[in-house]
């Protein structure tokens, strides 16, 4: 799958809502994050009586007369729970000292460390599969991303350890199902389903008693699917050709909406996105980088970041590596970039003088 033209869009979908202005943990809006494309563990989602998803389903149309193949990629974020702990007194040998206790923040050499939910990117890929073989036998495969613990010491200017940062990931697992149906000569329906089958840690009790924050650690966050076809063409579900309109309307998409991506006019790649997009979405070339908000107005958010106080910027730096990079990028922007951000006209069309 050649994703050179679609990676920017897929990345924007992946991090939509990851962190919102004012990009600090103390902000209320950043305490309830990842609102799009969350696939919770099945037991948790079912205990919520249908209010939360544990699976997504994509259906789209493929037109092919030869021997087409289909490639599928599933991408999502896996959350990392970051905790901060402090020793009662600075220690030279942390392994021999009494265990530190968890704190809400810890100042280390002028930097404030705080608990936070970070994330790592995960990808599940299925090699190109012959479309006709899917007509005879659907395929199903599992994925499993293991748990891990990473512990980093926090040292003062004297080299003594005053605390630790722990980054903990829970395991997540699930499966992907791919099938195809022949609708009429040279027209096929392709279906891809993704499920979160992670078992919740019994330490937290029954699924109905688990809170959202615990469930998120075992969730597939910002889950979406990329589909690519060779020797065939995908059909726009937004503007299908007249002869395929009824079949396009019958496609059942749950939790995602497929749109064509890549260069306008290409019909070999589709993104099943958890947020509403149009065919061939693009990132504005004037944008200096991601602001984690698909409805963003770069100029306004960039100016707001620059007006933050030193204390607010300090909190932003310490909240998340991506927030720190966003701040550093914004502070380093040359003046000419703001002129580029200040309004651009696109997609102008000639006016039909005969139109009333």
Foldseek 3Di string as FASTA:
>chain_A
DDCPQPPVVLVLLQLFFVAAPVQFPVDPSNVDTQPFDKQFAPQLCVLVVNPHHFKWKFKFKWFFDDWKWKKKKKKFKAKKWKWKWFAPDWAQDVVPGPDTGTDQWDAAANAIAGIAIDIDMDMDIDPIDTQVVLAVPKDKDKDKDAKDKDKDFGAHPVRTTGIIMIIIAHMWMWMKIWHKHDDDNRMIMIMIMTGTNDDQDCVQPGSNRDDPVSRSSHIGGSIKMKMFMDNIFIAALVDGPPVCVVVSVPTDTGQWDKAAEDPPPGGGMIITGNDDDYHHDDDPPLAPDDNSHPVDLRLVSLVVLVPDDPVSLSSSCNHYVVSVVVSVSSVPDDPVSNVVSPDDDDDDDDDDPPDD
